[in-house]
PDB file of N, CA and C in Angstrom:
ATOM      1  N   MET A   1      30.012 -30.999  13.848  1.00  0.00           N
ATOM      2  CA  MET A   1      28.237 -31.381  13.077  1.00  0.00           C
ATOM      3  C   MET A   1      27.338 -31.532  14.433  1.00  0.00           C
ATOM      4  N   PRO A   2      26.536 -29.863  14.731  1.00  0.00           N
ATOM      5  CA  PRO A   2      25.739 -29.550  15.678  1.00  0.00           C
ATOM      6  C   PRO A   2      25.452 -30.707  16.583  1.00  0.00           C
ATOM      7  N   GLU A   3      24.707 -31.281  18.128  1.00  0.00           N
ATOM      8  CA  GLU A   3      24.266 -32.277  18.216  1.00  0.00           C
ATOM      9  C   GLU A   3      22.179 -32.070  18.138  1.00  0.00           C
ATOM     10  N   ILE A   4      21.850 -32.467  17.727  1.00  0.00           N
ATOM     11  CA  ILE A   4      20.155 -32.237  17.188  1.00  0.00           C
ATOM     12  C   ILE A   4      19.741 -33.048  18.653  1.00  0.00           C
ATOM     13  N   THR A   5      18.220 -32.439  19.036  1.00  0.00           N
ATOM     14  CA  THR A   5      18.286 -32.902  20.022  1.00  0.00           C
ATOM     15  C   THR A   5      16.310 -32.734  20.507  1.00  0.00           C
ATOM     16  N   LYS A   6      15.989 -33.761  20.968  1.00  0.00           N
ATOM     17  CA  LYS A   6      14.320 -33.036  21.380  1.00  0.00           C
ATOM     18  C   LYS A   6      13.958 -31.337  21.310  1.00  0.00           C
ATOM     19  N   GLU A   7      14.846 -31.281  22.461  1.00  0.00           N
ATOM     20  CA  GLU A   7      14.958 -29.740  22.548  1.00  0.00           C
ATOM     21  C   GLU A   7      15.722 -28.620  21.717  1.00  0.00           C
ATOM     22  N   THR A   8      15.941 -29.207  21.020  1.00  0.00           N
ATOM     23  CA  THR A   8      15.983 -27.940  20.087  1.00  0.00           C
ATOM     24  C   THR A   8      15.020 -27.566  19.060  1.00  0.00           C
ATOM     25  N   LEU A   9      15.330 -26.313  19.322  1.00  0.00           N
ATOM     26  CA  LEU A   9      14.372 -25.641  18.874  1.00  0.00           C
ATOM     27  C   LEU A   9      14.363 -25.162  17.362  1.00  0.00           C
ATOM     28  N   ILE A  10      12.894 -25.388  16.724  1.00  0.00           N
ATOM     29  CA  ILE A  10      12.343 -25.551  14.974  1.00  0.00           C
ATOM     30  C   ILE A  10      13.532 -24.885  14.520  1.00  0.00           C
ATOM     31  N   GLY A  11      13.359 -22.921  15.071  1.00  0.00           N
ATOM     32  CA  GLY A  11      14.313 -21.892  14.511  1.00  0.00           C
ATOM     33  C   GLY A  11      16.102 -22.046  14.607  1.00  0.00           C
ATOM     34  N   ASP A  12      16.390 -22.916  15.510  1.00  0.00           N
ATOM     35  CA  ASP A  12      17.682 -22.877  15.405  1.00  0.00           C
ATOM     36  C   ASP A  12      18.237 -24.153  14.593  1.00  0.00           C
ATOM     37  N   LEU A  13      17.066 -25.258  14.835  1.00  0.00           N
ATOM     38  CA  LEU A  13      17.255 -26.254  13.523  1.00  0.00           C
ATOM     39  C   LEU A  13      17.244 -25.720  12.300  1.00  0.00           C
ATOM     40  N   ILE A  14      16.540 -24.756  11.508  1.00  0.00           N
ATOM     41  CA  ILE A  14      16.586 -24.281  10.411  1.00  0.00           C
ATOM     42  C   ILE A  14      17.940 -23.361  10.116  1.00  0.00           C
ATOM     43  N   GLY A  15      18.600 -22.767  11.279  1.00  0.00           N
ATOM     44  CA  GLY A  15      19.681 -22.164  11.444  1.00  0.00           C
ATOM     45  C   GLY A  15      21.135 -22.935  11.157  1.00  0.00           C
ATOM     46  N   ILE A  16      21.134 -24.255  11.666  1.00  0.00           N
ATOM     47  CA  ILE A  16      21.831 -25.235  11.421  1.00  0.00           C
ATOM     48  C   ILE A  16      21.829 -25.711   9.489  1.00  0.00           C
ATOM     49  N   ASP A  17      21.055 -25.729   9.459  1.00  0.00           N
ATOM     50  CA  ASP A  17      20.894 -26.357   7.932  1.00  0.00           C
ATOM     51  C   ASP A  17      19.301 -26.506   7.124  1.00  0.00           C
ATOM     52  N   ARG A  18      19.429 -25.414   6.268  1.00  0.00           N
ATOM     53  CA  ARG A  18      17.719 -24.838   6.276  1.00  0.00           C
ATOM     54  C   ARG A  18      17.401 -26.119   5.237  1.00  0.00           C
ATOM     55  N   GLY A  19      18.111 -27.106   4.852  1.00  0.00           N
ATOM     56  CA  GLY A  19      17.479 -28.287   4.384  1.00  0.00           C
ATOM     57  C   GLY A  19      16.129 -29.377   4.961  1.00  0.00           C
ATOM     58  N   VAL A  20      16.525 -28.721   6.837  1.00  0.00           N
ATOM     59  CA  VAL A  20      15.721 -29.482   7.463  1.00  0.00           C
ATOM     60  C   VAL A  20      14.434 -29.272   6.900  1.00  0.00           C
ATOM     61  N   ALA A  21      14.274 -27.976   6.700  1.00  0.00           N
ATOM     62  CA  ALA A  21      12.659 -27.516   6.244  1.00  0.00           C
ATOM     63  C   ALA A  21      12.134 -28.018   5.643  1.00  0.00           C
ATOM     64  N   GLY A  22      12.794 -29.186   4.342  1.00  0.00           N
ATOM     65  CA  GLY A  22      12.304 -29.519   3.516  1.00  0.00           C
ATOM     66  C   GLY A  22      11.949 -31.131   4.008  1.00  0.00           C
ATOM     67  N   ILE A  23      12.194 -31.495   5.324  1.00  0.00           N
ATOM     68  CA  ILE A  23      12.400 -32.817   5.927  1.00  0.00           C
ATOM     69  C   ILE A  23      10.774 -32.507   6.635  1.00  0.00           C
ATOM     70  N   LEU A  24      10.754 -31.501   7.620  1.00  0.00           N
ATOM     71  CA  LEU A  24       9.775 -31.479   8.477  1.00  0.00           C
ATOM     72  C   LEU A  24       8.998 -31.164   7.729  1.00  0.00           C
ATOM     73  N   MET A  25       8.832 -30.516   6.536  1.00  0.00           N
ATOM     74  CA  MET A  25       7.596 -30.377   5.285  1.00  0.00           C
ATOM     75  C   MET A  25       7.136 -31.570   5.196  1.00  0.00           C
ATOM     76  N   ARG A  26       7.794 -31.761   4.801  1.00  0.00           N
ATOM     77  CA  ARG A  26       7.041 -33.278   3.992  1.00  0.00           C
ATOM     78  C   ARG A  26       6.762 -33.715   5.153  1.00  0.00           C
ATOM     79  N   ALA A  27       6.959 -34.189   6.063  1.00  0.00           N
ATOM     80  CA  ALA A  27       6.291 -35.147   7.533  1.00  0.00           C
ATOM     81  C   ALA A  27       5.200 -34.396   7.686  1.00  0.00           C
ATOM     82  N   GLY A  28       4.645 -32.906   7.196  1.00  0.00           N
ATOM     83  CA  GLY A  28       3.371 -32.641   7.309  1.00  0.00           C
ATOM     84  C   GLY A  28       3.751 -31.231   8.270  1.00  0.00           C
ATOM     85  N   MET A  29       4.874 -31.102   9.000  1.00  0.00           N
ATOM     86  CA  MET A  29       5.094 -29.762   9.511  1.00  0.00           C
ATOM     87  C   MET A  29       4.700 -28.873   8.498  1.00  0.00           C
ATOM     88  N   HIS A  30       4.001 -27.973   8.294  1.00  0.00           N
ATOM     89  CA  HIS A  30       3.826 -26.971   7.498  1.00  0.00           C
ATOM     90  C   HIS A  30       4.240 -25.299   7.642  1.00  0.00           C
ATOM     91  N   CYS A  31       4.060 -25.499   9.082  1.00  0.00           N
ATOM     92  CA  CYS A  31       4.490 -23.813   9.771  1.00  0.00           C
ATOM     93  C   CYS A  31       5.836 -23.842  10.006  1.00  0.00           C
ATOM     94  N   VAL A  32       6.706 -24.406   9.395  1.00  0.00           N
ATOM     95  CA  VAL A  32       8.595 -24.225  10.079  1.00  0.00           C
ATOM     96  C   VAL A  32       8.513 -22.750   9.783  1.00  0.00           C
ATOM     97  N   GLY A  33       7.982 -22.052   8.963  1.00  0.00           N
ATOM     98  CA  GLY A  33       8.878 -20.295   8.586  1.00  0.00           C
ATOM     99  C   GLY A  33       7.378 -18.997   9.682  1.00  0.00           C
ATOM    100  N   CYS A  34       6.654 -20.001  10.292  1.00  0.00           N
ATOM    101  CA  CYS A  34       5.605 -19.160  11.036  1.00  0.00           C
ATOM    102  C   CYS A  34       6.288 -18.721  12.465  1.00  0.00           C
ATOM    103  N   PRO A  35       5.809 -17.558  12.767  1.00  0.00           N
ATOM    104  CA  PRO A  35       7.309 -17.022  13.604  1.00  0.00           C
ATOM    105  C   PRO A  35       6.847 -17.882  14.875  1.00  0.00           C
ATOM    106  N   SER A  36       5.643 -18.275  15.316  1.00  0.00           N
ATOM    107  CA  SER A  36       5.529 -19.002  17.014  1.00  0.00           C
ATOM    108  C   SER A  36       6.466 -20.270  16.970  1.00  0.00           C
ATOM    109  N   ALA A  37       6.307 -20.773  15.561  1.00  0.00           N
ATOM    110  CA  ALA A  37       6.743 -22.323  15.673  1.00  0.00           C
ATOM    111  C   ALA A  37       8.911 -22.168  15.946  1.00  0.00           C
ATOM    112  N   GLN A  38       9.254 -20.815  15.099  1.00  0.00           N
ATOM    113  CA  GLN A  38      10.569 -20.903  15.563  1.00  0.00           C
ATOM    114  C   GLN A  38      11.134 -21.457  16.678  1.00  0.00           C
ATOM    115  N   GLY A  39       9.917 -20.785  17.944  1.00  0.00           N
ATOM    116  CA  GLY A  39      10.064 -21.016  19.843  1.00  0.00           C
ATOM    117  C   GLY A  39      10.192 -22.090  20.217  1.00  0.00           C
ATOM    118  N   GLU A  40       9.603 -23.105  19.011  1.00  0.00           N
ATOM    119  CA  GLU A  40       8.977 -24.379  19.987  1.00  0.00           C
ATOM    120  C   GLU A  40      10.313 -25.544  19.547  1.00  0.00           C
ATOM    121  N   SER A  41      10.243 -26.153  20.487  1.00  0.00           N
ATOM    122  CA  SER A  41      11.288 -27.551  20.134  1.00  0.00           C
ATOM    123  C   SER A  41      10.602 -28.365  19.296  1.00  0.00           C
ATOM    124  N   LEU A  42      11.377 -29.388  19.104  1.00  0.00           N
ATOM    125  CA  LEU A  42      11.175 -29.789  17.736  1.00  0.00           C
ATOM    126  C   LEU A  42      10.396 -30.891  18.323  1.00  0.00           C
ATOM    127  N   GLU A  43      10.159 -31.402  19.753  1.00  0.00           N
ATOM    128  CA  GLU A  43       9.313 -32.603  20.226  1.00  0.00           C
ATOM    129  C   GLU A  43       8.109 -31.351  20.403  1.00  0.00           C
ATOM    130  N   GLU A  44       7.621 -30.121  20.743  1.00  0.00           N
ATOM    131  CA  GLU A  44       6.606 -29.812  21.204  1.00  0.00           C
ATOM    132  C   GLU A  44       6.193 -29.376  19.301  1.00  0.00           C
ATOM    133  N   ALA A  45       6.820 -29.166  18.523  1.00  0.00           N
ATOM    134  CA  ALA A  45       6.230 -29.711  17.227  1.00  0.00           C
ATOM    135  C   ALA A  45       5.512 -30.720  17.025  1.00  0.00           C
ATOM    136  N   ALA A  46       6.372 -31.468  17.056  1.00  0.00           N
ATOM    137  CA  ALA A  46       6.178 -32.888  16.324  1.00  0.00           C
ATOM    138  C   ALA A  46       4.587 -33.802  17.517  1.00  0.00           C
ATOM    139  N   PHE A  47       4.590 -33.229  18.391  1.00  0.00           N
ATOM    140  CA  PHE A  47       3.408 -33.693  19.472  1.00  0.00           C
ATOM    141  C   PHE A  47       2.424 -32.950  18.911  1.00  0.00           C
ATOM    142  N   VAL A  48       2.213 -31.179  18.542  1.00  0.00           N
ATOM    143  CA  VAL A  48       1.257 -30.899  18.034  1.00  0.00           C
ATOM    144  C   VAL A  48       0.506 -31.660  16.563  1.00  0.00           C
ATOM    145  N   HIS A  49       1.679 -31.653  16.119  1.00  0.00           N
ATOM    146  CA  HIS A  49       1.363 -32.255  14.771  1.00  0.00           C
ATOM    147  C   HIS A  49       1.242 -33.840  14.492  1.00  0.00           C
ATOM    148  N   GLY A  50       1.025 -34.563  15.758  1.00  0.00           N
ATOM    149  CA  GLY A  50       0.909 -35.676  16.068  1.00  0.00           C
ATOM    150  C   GLY A  50       1.882 -36.978  15.523  1.00  0.00           C
ATOM    151  N   MET A  51       3.056 -36.510  14.980  1.00  0.00           N
ATOM    152  CA  MET A  51       4.109 -37.158  14.384  1.00  0.00           C
ATOM    153  C   MET A  51       5.273 -38.337  15.400  1.00  0.00           C
ATOM    154  N   ASP A  52       5.785 -38.758  14.742  1.00  0.00           N
ATOM    155  CA  ASP A  52       6.801 -39.883  15.552  1.00  0.00           C
ATOM    156  C   ASP A  52       8.414 -39.426  15.751  1.00  0.00           C
ATOM    157  N   ILE A  53       8.225 -38.545  17.423  1.00  0.00           N
ATOM    158  CA  ILE A  53       9.898 -37.498  17.542  1.00  0.00           C
ATOM    159  C   ILE A  53      10.993 -38.779  17.185  1.00  0.00           C
ATOM    160  N   ASP A  54      10.676 -39.905  17.942  1.00  0.00           N
ATOM    161  CA  ASP A  54      11.683 -40.712  17.343  1.00  0.00           C
ATOM    162  C   ASP A  54      12.317 -40.896  15.676  1.00  0.00           C
ATOM    163  N   GLY A  55      11.247 -41.289  14.911  1.00  0.00           N
ATOM    164  CA  GLY A  55      11.363 -40.777  13.512  1.00  0.00           C
ATOM    165  C   GLY A  55      11.546 -40.184  12.611  1.00  0.00           C
ATOM    166  N   LEU A  56      11.794 -39.239  13.450  1.00  0.00           N
ATOM    167  CA  LEU A  56      11.349 -37.238  12.838  1.00  0.00           C
ATOM    168  C   LEU A  56      12.787 -36.996  13.121  1.00  0.00           C
ATOM    169  N   MET A  57      13.562 -37.241  14.303  1.00  0.00           N
ATOM    170  CA  MET A  57      14.970 -37.506  14.719  1.00  0.00           C
ATOM    171  C   MET A  57      15.546 -38.271  13.792  1.00  0.00           C
ATOM    172  N   ASP A  58      14.881 -39.786  13.572  1.00  0.00           N
ATOM    173  CA  ASP A  58      16.298 -40.245  12.962  1.00  0.00           C
ATOM    174  C   ASP A  58      16.114 -39.538  11.375  1.00  0.00           C
ATOM    175  N   GLU A  59      15.404 -39.631  11.130  1.00  0.00           N
ATOM    176  CA  GLU A  59      15.425 -38.625   9.293  1.00  0.00           C
ATOM    177  C   GLU A  59      16.480 -37.430   9.391  1.00  0.00           C
ATOM    178  N   ILE A  60      16.295 -36.395  10.974  1.00  0.00           N
ATOM    179  CA  ILE A  60      17.182 -35.406  10.487  1.00  0.00           C
ATOM    180  C   ILE A  60      18.204 -35.680  10.887  1.00  0.00           C
ATOM    181  N   ASN A  61      19.010 -36.828  11.883  1.00  0.00           N
ATOM    182  CA  ASN A  61      19.848 -37.369  12.123  1.00  0.00           C
ATOM    183  C   ASN A  61      20.816 -37.833  11.076  1.00  0.00           C
ATOM    184  N   ALA A  62      19.921 -38.116  10.166  1.00  0.00           N
ATOM    185  CA  ALA A  62      20.750 -39.622   9.008  1.00  0.00           C
ATOM    186  C   ALA A  62      20.911 -38.080   7.874  1.00  0.00           C
ATOM    187  N   TYR A  63      20.197 -37.265   7.706  1.00  0.00           N
ATOM    188  CA  TYR A  63      20.295 -36.197   6.711  1.00  0.00           C
ATOM    189  C   TYR A  63      21.144 -35.227   7.078  1.00  0.00           C
ATOM    190  N   LEU A  64      21.334 -34.890   8.250  1.00  0.00           N
ATOM    191  CA  LEU A  64      23.177 -33.670   8.951  1.00  0.00           C
ATOM    192  C   LEU A  64      23.880 -35.081   8.843  1.00  0.00           C
ATOM    193  N   SER A  65      24.100 -36.031   8.942  1.00  0.00           N
ATOM    194  CA  SER A  65      25.296 -37.115   9.363  1.00  0.00           C
ATOM    195  C   SER A  65      25.972 -37.289   7.918  1.00  0.00           C
ATOM    196  N   ALA A  66      24.859 -37.543   6.375  1.00  0.00           N
ATOM    197  CA  ALA A  66      25.519 -38.021   5.504  1.00  0.00           C
ATOM    198  C   ALA A  66      25.594 -36.610   4.704  1.00  0.00           C
ATOM    199  N   LYS A  67      25.352 -35.184   4.678  1.00  0.00           N
ATOM    200  CA  LYS A  67      25.431 -34.043   4.697  1.00  0.00           C
ATOM    201  C   LYS A  67      26.878 -33.651   5.203  1.00  0.00           C
ATOM    202  N   HIS A  68      27.190 -34.160   6.547  1.00  0.00           N
ATOM    203  CA  HIS A  68      28.708 -34.091   7.097  1.00  0.00           C
ATOM    204  C   HIS A  68      29.702 -34.642   6.682  1.00  0.00           C
ATOM    205  N   ALA A  69      28.801 -35.529   6.002  1.00  0.00           N
ATOM    206  CA  ALA A  69      29.754 -37.067   5.683  1.00  0.00           C
ATOM    207  C   ALA A  69      30.898 -36.355   4.114  1.00  0.00           C
ATOM    208  N   GLU A  70      29.680 -35.593   3.571  1.00  0.00           N
ATOM    209  CA  GLU A  70      29.988 -35.115   1.997  1.00  0.00           C
ATOM    210  C   GLU A  70      31.011 -34.094   2.148  1.00  0.00           C
ATOM    211  N   ASN A  71      31.430 -33.144   3.322  1.00  0.00           N
ATOM    212  CA  ASN A  71      32.227 -32.368   3.578  1.00  0.00           C
ATOM    213  C   ASN A  71      33.250 -32.764   3.792  1.00  0.00           C
TER     214      ASN A  71
END
């Protein structure tokens, strides 16, 4: 499983697992498909949207860990 950090680009994150887009959208980040968002880091995007980056990272990593455990 690839390591997800605050510096991971949104485009790379979606490329790792498209299911993460749903997490981001439910959190209020509805622009995940926008071309400019693809080059933003997870931390930059969270800041722009007023989100708690640590909570978002926890949710993404929990999702990826659970999915990895299934395989």
